[in-house]
C-alpha atoms as a PDB file:
ATOM      1  CA  UNK A   1      83.824 139.191  64.469  1.00  0.00           C
ATOM      2  CA  UNK A   2      83.564 142.759  65.610  1.00  0.00           C
ATOM      3  CA  UNK A   3      86.453 145.053  66.273  1.00  0.00           C
ATOM      4  CA  UNK A   4      87.077 148.632  67.361  1.00  0.00           C
ATOM      5  CA  UNK A   5      84.188 150.547  65.892  1.00  0.00           C
ATOM      6  CA  UNK A   6      82.509 153.889  66.238  1.00  0.00           C
ATOM      7  CA  UNK A   7      79.292 151.865  66.583  1.00  0.00           C
ATOM      8  CA  UNK A   8      80.447 150.316  69.834  1.00  0.00           C
ATOM      9  CA  UNK A   9      79.813 152.215  73.065  1.00  0.00           C
ATOM     10  CA  UNK A  10      82.983 153.687  74.602  1.00  0.00           C
ATOM     11  CA  UNK A  11      82.513 151.438  77.620  1.00  0.00           C
ATOM     12  CA  UNK A  12      82.646 148.396  75.345  1.00  0.00           C
ATOM     13  CA  UNK A  13      85.815 149.526  73.612  1.00  0.00           C
ATOM     14  CA  UNK A  14      87.432 150.234  76.978  1.00  0.00           C
ATOM     15  CA  UNK A  15      86.260 146.913  78.400  1.00  0.00           C
ATOM     16  CA  UNK A  16      87.525 144.913  75.447  1.00  0.00           C
ATOM     17  CA  UNK A  17      90.771 146.865  75.067  1.00  0.00           C
ATOM     18  CA  UNK A  18      90.067 147.064  71.312  1.00  0.00           C
ATOM     19  CA  UNK A  19      90.236 143.283  71.057  1.00  0.00           C
ATOM     20  CA  UNK A  20      88.171 141.389  68.457  1.00  0.00           C
ATOM     21  CA  UNK A  21      85.474 139.381  70.176  1.00  0.00           C
ATOM     22  CA  UNK A  22      83.786 136.144  69.229  1.00  0.00           C
ATOM     23  CA  UNK A  23      82.581 134.668  72.527  1.00  0.00           C
ATOM     24  CA  UNK A  24      80.287 136.487  74.956  1.00  0.00           C
ATOM     25  CA  UNK A  25      78.316 135.544  78.032  1.00  0.00           C
ATOM     26  CA  UNK A  26      75.316 137.467  79.305  1.00  0.00           C
ATOM     27  CA  UNK A  27      74.192 136.879  82.888  1.00  0.00           C
ATOM     28  CA  UNK A  28      70.562 137.608  83.738  1.00  0.00           C
ATOM     29  CA  UNK A  29      69.923 138.285  87.449  1.00  0.00           C
ATOM     30  CA  UNK A  30      72.607 135.968  88.821  1.00  0.00           C
ATOM     31  CA  UNK A  31      72.197 136.368  92.580  1.00  0.00           C
ATOM     32  CA  UNK A  32      74.660 133.937  94.142  1.00  0.00           C
ATOM     33  CA  UNK A  33      78.203 135.297  94.561  1.00  0.00           C
ATOM     34  CA  UNK A  34      79.777 131.810  94.645  1.00  0.00           C
ATOM     35  CA  UNK A  35      78.089 130.953  91.341  1.00  0.00           C
ATOM     36  CA  UNK A  36      79.296 134.256  89.891  1.00  0.00           C
ATOM     37  CA  UNK A  37      82.879 133.478  90.907  1.00  0.00           C
ATOM     38  CA  UNK A  38      82.734 129.979  89.461  1.00  0.00           C
ATOM     39  CA  UNK A  39      81.350 131.284  86.156  1.00  0.00           C
ATOM     40  CA  UNK A  40      84.116 133.907  86.003  1.00  0.00           C
ATOM     41  CA  UNK A  41      86.806 131.288  86.573  1.00  0.00           C
ATOM     42  CA  UNK A  42      85.308 129.042  83.887  1.00  0.00           C
ATOM     43  CA  UNK A  43      84.964 132.000  81.502  1.00  0.00           C
ATOM     44  CA  UNK A  44      88.677 132.725  81.943  1.00  0.00           C
ATOM     45  CA  UNK A  45      89.475 129.049  81.255  1.00  0.00           C
ATOM     46  CA  UNK A  46      87.569 129.153  77.950  1.00  0.00           C
ATOM     47  CA  UNK A  47      88.828 132.601  76.900  1.00  0.00           C
ATOM     48  CA  UNK A  48      85.398 134.235  76.932  1.00  0.00           C
ATOM     49  CA  UNK A  49      85.947 137.715  75.515  1.00  0.00           C
ATOM     50  CA  UNK A  50      83.446 139.583  77.678  1.00  0.00           C
ATOM     51  CA  UNK A  51      80.597 139.088  80.131  1.00  0.00           C
ATOM     52  CA  UNK A  52      77.568 141.363  80.111  1.00  0.00           C
ATOM     53  CA  UNK A  53      75.855 141.592  83.503  1.00  0.00           C
ATOM     54  CA  UNK A  54      72.230 142.584  83.993  1.00  0.00           C
ATOM     55  CA  UNK A  55      71.975 145.410  86.492  1.00  0.00           C
ATOM     56  CA  UNK A  56      70.331 143.128  89.050  1.00  0.00           C
ATOM     57  CA  UNK A  57      73.096 140.510  88.932  1.00  0.00           C
ATOM     58  CA  UNK A  58      75.245 140.394  92.053  1.00  0.00           C
ATOM     59  CA  UNK A  59      78.557 142.239  92.164  1.00  0.00           C
ATOM     60  CA  UNK A  60      81.383 140.195  90.676  1.00  0.00           C
ATOM     61  CA  UNK A  61      83.699 141.907  93.177  1.00  0.00           C
ATOM     62  CA  UNK A  62      81.982 140.490  96.276  1.00  0.00           C
ATOM     63  CA  UNK A  63      84.580 138.784  98.431  1.00  0.00           C
ATOM     64  CA  UNK A  64      83.068 135.333  97.899  1.00  0.00           C
ATOM     65  CA  UNK A  65      82.940 135.798  94.129  1.00  0.00           C
ATOM     66  CA  UNK A  66      86.576 136.932  94.010  1.00  0.00           C
ATOM     67  CA  UNK A  67      87.663 133.988  96.183  1.00  0.00           C
ATOM     68  CA  UNK A  68      85.746 131.352  94.185  1.00  0.00           C
ATOM     69  CA  UNK A  69      87.017 132.841  90.907  1.00  0.00           C
ATOM     70  CA  UNK A  70      90.559 132.184  92.191  1.00  0.00           C
ATOM     71  CA  UNK A  71      91.364 135.783  91.245  1.00  0.00           C
ATOM     72  CA  UNK A  72      90.220 135.417  87.639  1.00  0.00           C
ATOM     73  CA  UNK A  73      87.729 138.215  88.212  1.00  0.00           C
ATOM     74  CA  UNK A  74      90.582 140.541  87.199  1.00  0.00           C
ATOM     75  CA  UNK A  75      91.230 138.744  83.893  1.00  0.00           C
ATOM     76  CA  UNK A  76      87.669 138.615  82.563  1.00  0.00           C
ATOM     77  CA  UNK A  77      86.197 141.638  80.785  1.00  0.00           C
ATOM     78  CA  UNK A  78      82.852 142.587  82.316  1.00  0.00           C
ATOM     79  CA  UNK A  79      80.285 145.233  81.562  1.00  0.00           C
ATOM     80  CA  UNK A  80      77.048 146.181  83.321  1.00  0.00           C
ATOM     81  CA  UNK A  81      73.974 146.898  81.190  1.00  0.00           C
ATOM     82  CA  UNK A  82      73.756 150.424  82.704  1.00  0.00           C
ATOM     83  CA  UNK A  83      77.284 151.206  81.455  1.00  0.00           C
ATOM     84  CA  UNK A  84      76.347 149.907  77.998  1.00  0.00           C
ATOM     85  CA  UNK A  85      73.247 152.092  77.914  1.00  0.00           C
ATOM     86  CA  UNK A  86      75.183 155.206  78.977  1.00  0.00           C
ATOM     87  CA  UNK A  87      77.710 154.551  76.214  1.00  0.00           C
ATOM     88  CA  UNK A  88      75.024 153.998  73.572  1.00  0.00           C
ATOM     89  CA  UNK A  89      73.052 157.131  74.460  1.00  0.00           C
ATOM     90  CA  UNK A  90      75.496 159.487  72.712  1.00  0.00           C
ATOM     91  CA  UNK A  91      75.995 157.501  69.517  1.00  0.00           C
ATOM     92  CA  UNK A  92      73.992 158.358  66.425  1.00  0.00           C
ATOM     93  CA  UNK A  93      74.015 155.223  64.290  1.00  0.00           C
ATOM     94  CA  UNK A  94      70.396 155.235  63.199  1.00  0.00           C
ATOM     95  CA  UNK A  95      69.471 152.584  65.761  1.00  0.00           C
ATOM     96  CA  UNK A  96      66.634 153.118  68.223  1.00  0.00           C
ATOM     97  CA  UNK A  97      68.386 153.245  71.574  1.00  0.00           C
ATOM     98  CA  UNK A  98      65.247 152.746  73.624  1.00  0.00           C
ATOM     99  CA  UNK A  99      66.460 150.000  75.893  1.00  0.00           C
ATOM    100  CA  UNK A 100      64.891 147.577  78.262  1.00  0.00           C
ATOM    101  CA  UNK A 101      67.908 146.251  80.095  1.00  0.00           C
ATOM    102  CA  UNK A 102      69.649 143.093  79.013  1.00  0.00           C
ATOM    103  CA  UNK A 103      66.977 142.401  76.384  1.00  0.00           C
ATOM    104  CA  UNK A 104      67.857 145.693  74.690  1.00  0.00           C
ATOM    105  CA  UNK A 105      71.565 144.853  74.688  1.00  0.00           C
ATOM    106  CA  UNK A 106      70.889 141.465  73.081  1.00  0.00           C
ATOM    107  CA  UNK A 107      68.639 143.075  70.462  1.00  0.00           C
ATOM    108  CA  UNK A 108      71.452 145.495  69.582  1.00  0.00           C
ATOM    109  CA  UNK A 109      74.034 142.684  69.420  1.00  0.00           C
ATOM    110  CA  UNK A 110      71.817 140.674  67.060  1.00  0.00           C
ATOM    111  CA  UNK A 111      70.708 143.496  64.796  1.00  0.00           C
ATOM    112  CA  UNK A 112      73.779 145.720  64.708  1.00  0.00           C
ATOM    113  CA  UNK A 113      76.629 143.249  65.168  1.00  0.00           C
ATOM    114  CA  UNK A 114      75.176 139.974  63.787  1.00  0.00           C
ATOM    115  CA  UNK A 115      75.827 138.074  67.022  1.00  0.00           C
ATOM    116  CA  UNK A 116      74.094 134.701  67.493  1.00  0.00           C
ATOM    117  CA  UNK A 117      72.340 134.985  70.875  1.00  0.00           C
ATOM    118  CA  UNK A 118      71.497 131.711  72.635  1.00  0.00           C
ATOM    119  CA  UNK A 119      69.288 131.421  75.726  1.00  0.00           C
ATOM    120  CA  UNK A 120      70.334 128.492  77.930  1.00  0.00           C
ATOM    121  CA  UNK A 121      67.158 126.826  79.243  1.00  0.00           C
ATOM    122  CA  UNK A 122      66.339 123.732  81.293  1.00  0.00           C
ATOM    123  CA  UNK A 123      62.848 123.015  80.011  1.00  0.00           C
ATOM    124  CA  UNK A 124      61.343 122.611  76.590  1.00  0.00           C
ATOM    125  CA  UNK A 125      58.096 124.501  77.056  1.00  0.00           C
ATOM    126  CA  UNK A 126      56.798 125.917  73.834  1.00  0.00           C
ATOM    127  CA  UNK A 127      55.624 129.499  73.873  1.00  0.00           C
ATOM    128  CA  UNK A 128      54.671 131.016  70.550  1.00  0.00           C
ATOM    129  CA  UNK A 129      56.906 134.069  70.944  1.00  0.00           C
ATOM    130  CA  UNK A 130      59.983 132.110  72.062  1.00  0.00           C
ATOM    131  CA  UNK A 131      62.791 131.245  69.625  1.00  0.00           C
ATOM    132  CA  UNK A 132      63.242 127.625  68.481  1.00  0.00           C
ATOM    133  CA  UNK A 133      64.700 125.073  70.898  1.00  0.00           C
ATOM    134  CA  UNK A 134      67.835 123.089  70.040  1.00  0.00           C
ATOM    135  CA  UNK A 135      69.940 120.766  72.138  1.00  0.00           C
ATOM    136  CA  UNK A 136      73.577 121.524  72.777  1.00  0.00           C
ATOM    137  CA  UNK A 137      74.476 118.245  71.129  1.00  0.00           C
ATOM    138  CA  UNK A 138      72.870 119.341  67.849  1.00  0.00           C
ATOM    139  CA  UNK A 139      75.304 120.323  65.144  1.00  0.00           C
ATOM    140  CA  UNK A 140      75.452 124.093  65.657  1.00  0.00           C
ATOM    141  CA  UNK A 141      76.810 126.234  62.868  1.00  0.00           C
ATOM    142  CA  UNK A 142      76.947 129.985  63.270  1.00  0.00           C
ATOM    143  CA  UNK A 143      78.723 130.604  59.981  1.00  0.00           C
ATOM    144  CA  UNK A 144      81.727 132.128  61.724  1.00  0.00           C
ATOM    145  CA  UNK A 145      79.548 134.638  63.570  1.00  0.00           C
ATOM    146  CA  UNK A 146      80.298 135.636  67.155  1.00  0.00           C
ATOM    147  CA  UNK A 147      77.975 134.184  69.816  1.00  0.00           C
ATOM    148  CA  UNK A 148      76.517 135.246  73.127  1.00  0.00           C
ATOM    149  CA  UNK A 149      75.257 132.601  75.552  1.00  0.00           C
ATOM    150  CA  UNK A 150      72.703 133.902  78.050  1.00  0.00           C
ATOM    151  CA  UNK A 151      72.535 132.278  81.481  1.00  0.00           C
ATOM    152  CA  UNK A 152      69.706 132.967  83.900  1.00  0.00           C
ATOM    153  CA  UNK A 153      68.946 133.254  87.568  1.00  0.00           C
ATOM    154  CA  UNK A 154      69.542 130.167  89.706  1.00  0.00           C
ATOM    155  CA  UNK A 155      65.891 129.785  90.659  1.00  0.00           C
ATOM    156  CA  UNK A 156      63.870 131.455  87.908  1.00  0.00           C
ATOM    157  CA  UNK A 157      66.033 131.120  84.818  1.00  0.00           C
ATOM    158  CA  UNK A 158      66.132 133.772  82.097  1.00  0.00           C
ATOM    159  CA  UNK A 159      63.393 136.383  81.963  1.00  0.00           C
ATOM    160  CA  UNK A 160      60.909 135.921  79.118  1.00  0.00           C
ATOM    161  CA  UNK A 161      61.719 139.278  77.513  1.00  0.00           C
ATOM    162  CA  UNK A 162      65.415 138.302  77.407  1.00  0.00           C
ATOM    163  CA  UNK A 163      64.657 134.885  75.867  1.00  0.00           C
ATOM    164  CA  UNK A 164      62.603 136.584  73.142  1.00  0.00           C
ATOM    165  CA  UNK A 165      65.663 138.585  72.046  1.00  0.00           C
ATOM    166  CA  UNK A 166      67.673 135.414  71.398  1.00  0.00           C
ATOM    167  CA  UNK A 167      67.773 133.582  68.082  1.00  0.00           C
ATOM    168  CA  UNK A 168      67.663 130.138  69.721  1.00  0.00           C
ATOM    169  CA  UNK A 169      67.028 128.461  73.024  1.00  0.00           C
ATOM    170  CA  UNK A 170      69.632 125.823  73.842  1.00  0.00           C
ATOM    171  CA  UNK A 171      69.246 122.898  76.227  1.00  0.00           C
ATOM    172  CA  UNK A 172      71.856 120.462  77.509  1.00  0.00           C
ATOM    173  CA  UNK A 173      70.779 116.879  76.807  1.00  0.00           C
ATOM    174  CA  UNK A 174      70.656 114.859  80.042  1.00  0.00           C
ATOM    175  CA  UNK A 175      69.663 111.376  81.160  1.00  0.00           C
ATOM    176  CA  UNK A 176      66.051 110.708  82.099  1.00  0.00           C
ATOM    177  CA  UNK A 177      65.340 111.598  85.699  1.00  0.00           C
ATOM    178  CA  UNK A 178      67.881 114.441  85.803  1.00  0.00           C
ATOM    179  CA  UNK A 179      66.053 117.682  85.181  1.00  0.00           C
ATOM    180  CA  UNK A 180      68.795 120.266  85.721  1.00  0.00           C
ATOM    181  CA  UNK A 181      72.404 120.982  86.652  1.00  0.00           C
ATOM    182  CA  UNK A 182      73.851 123.623  88.938  1.00  0.00           C
ATOM    183  CA  UNK A 183      74.391 126.930  87.175  1.00  0.00           C
ATOM    184  CA  UNK A 184      78.232 126.821  87.218  1.00  0.00           C
ATOM    185  CA  UNK A 185      78.305 123.231  85.891  1.00  0.00           C
ATOM    186  CA  UNK A 186      75.835 124.057  83.109  1.00  0.00           C
ATOM    187  CA  UNK A 187      77.821 127.206  82.282  1.00  0.00           C
ATOM    188  CA  UNK A 188      81.023 125.181  81.941  1.00  0.00           C
ATOM    189  CA  UNK A 189      79.412 122.617  79.644  1.00  0.00           C
ATOM    190  CA  UNK A 190      77.919 125.356  77.464  1.00  0.00           C
ATOM    191  CA  UNK A 191      81.170 127.320  77.229  1.00  0.00           C
ATOM    192  CA  UNK A 192      83.158 124.202  76.379  1.00  0.00           C
ATOM    193  CA  UNK A 193      80.793 123.111  73.610  1.00  0.00           C
ATOM    194  CA  UNK A 194      80.214 126.546  72.132  1.00  0.00           C
ATOM    195  CA  UNK A 195      83.938 127.350  72.203  1.00  0.00           C
ATOM    196  CA  UNK A 196      84.620 124.308  70.043  1.00  0.00           C
ATOM    197  CA  UNK A 197      82.277 125.467  67.270  1.00  0.00           C
END
């Protein structure tokens, strides 16, 4: 649980209105405005504390996103990576602020704030530098730590450098013959399960 802190960038404190946070989403290169709106609406339903948007994600304020979110775009705290980086630049906390976009934000969340970062993936490929793979149905225990679920682009998924900054990869167990779900559906399942932990 992290609260108002001099270690948090001003943009974060403003975004969160000094509210303790436990549940975060990070969106990596989400390009479809309808998907963005649906994720925002679902995030509001599950009381997600904040959403971190990669700089190449579409604008949450696009008309289609606002319409699909049913207006919940105004009730969900959002922060672009560029705003995070500007806020971090002036803080001397002994942490190396060299950033590489969303991956840098996740590294900071893990190392400075003890957040469990989870990369939502659809496949189980094993790459030596990737974190371990678990299924959503596995008994997850974060020891009361806050979590951040990372969702990737509709066509390409999460970038490799972003996955490497997560502590685990998480996959939704599905029936044979079904290889993936639409991004908003998968996001809803992940938020529901993770919110119950």
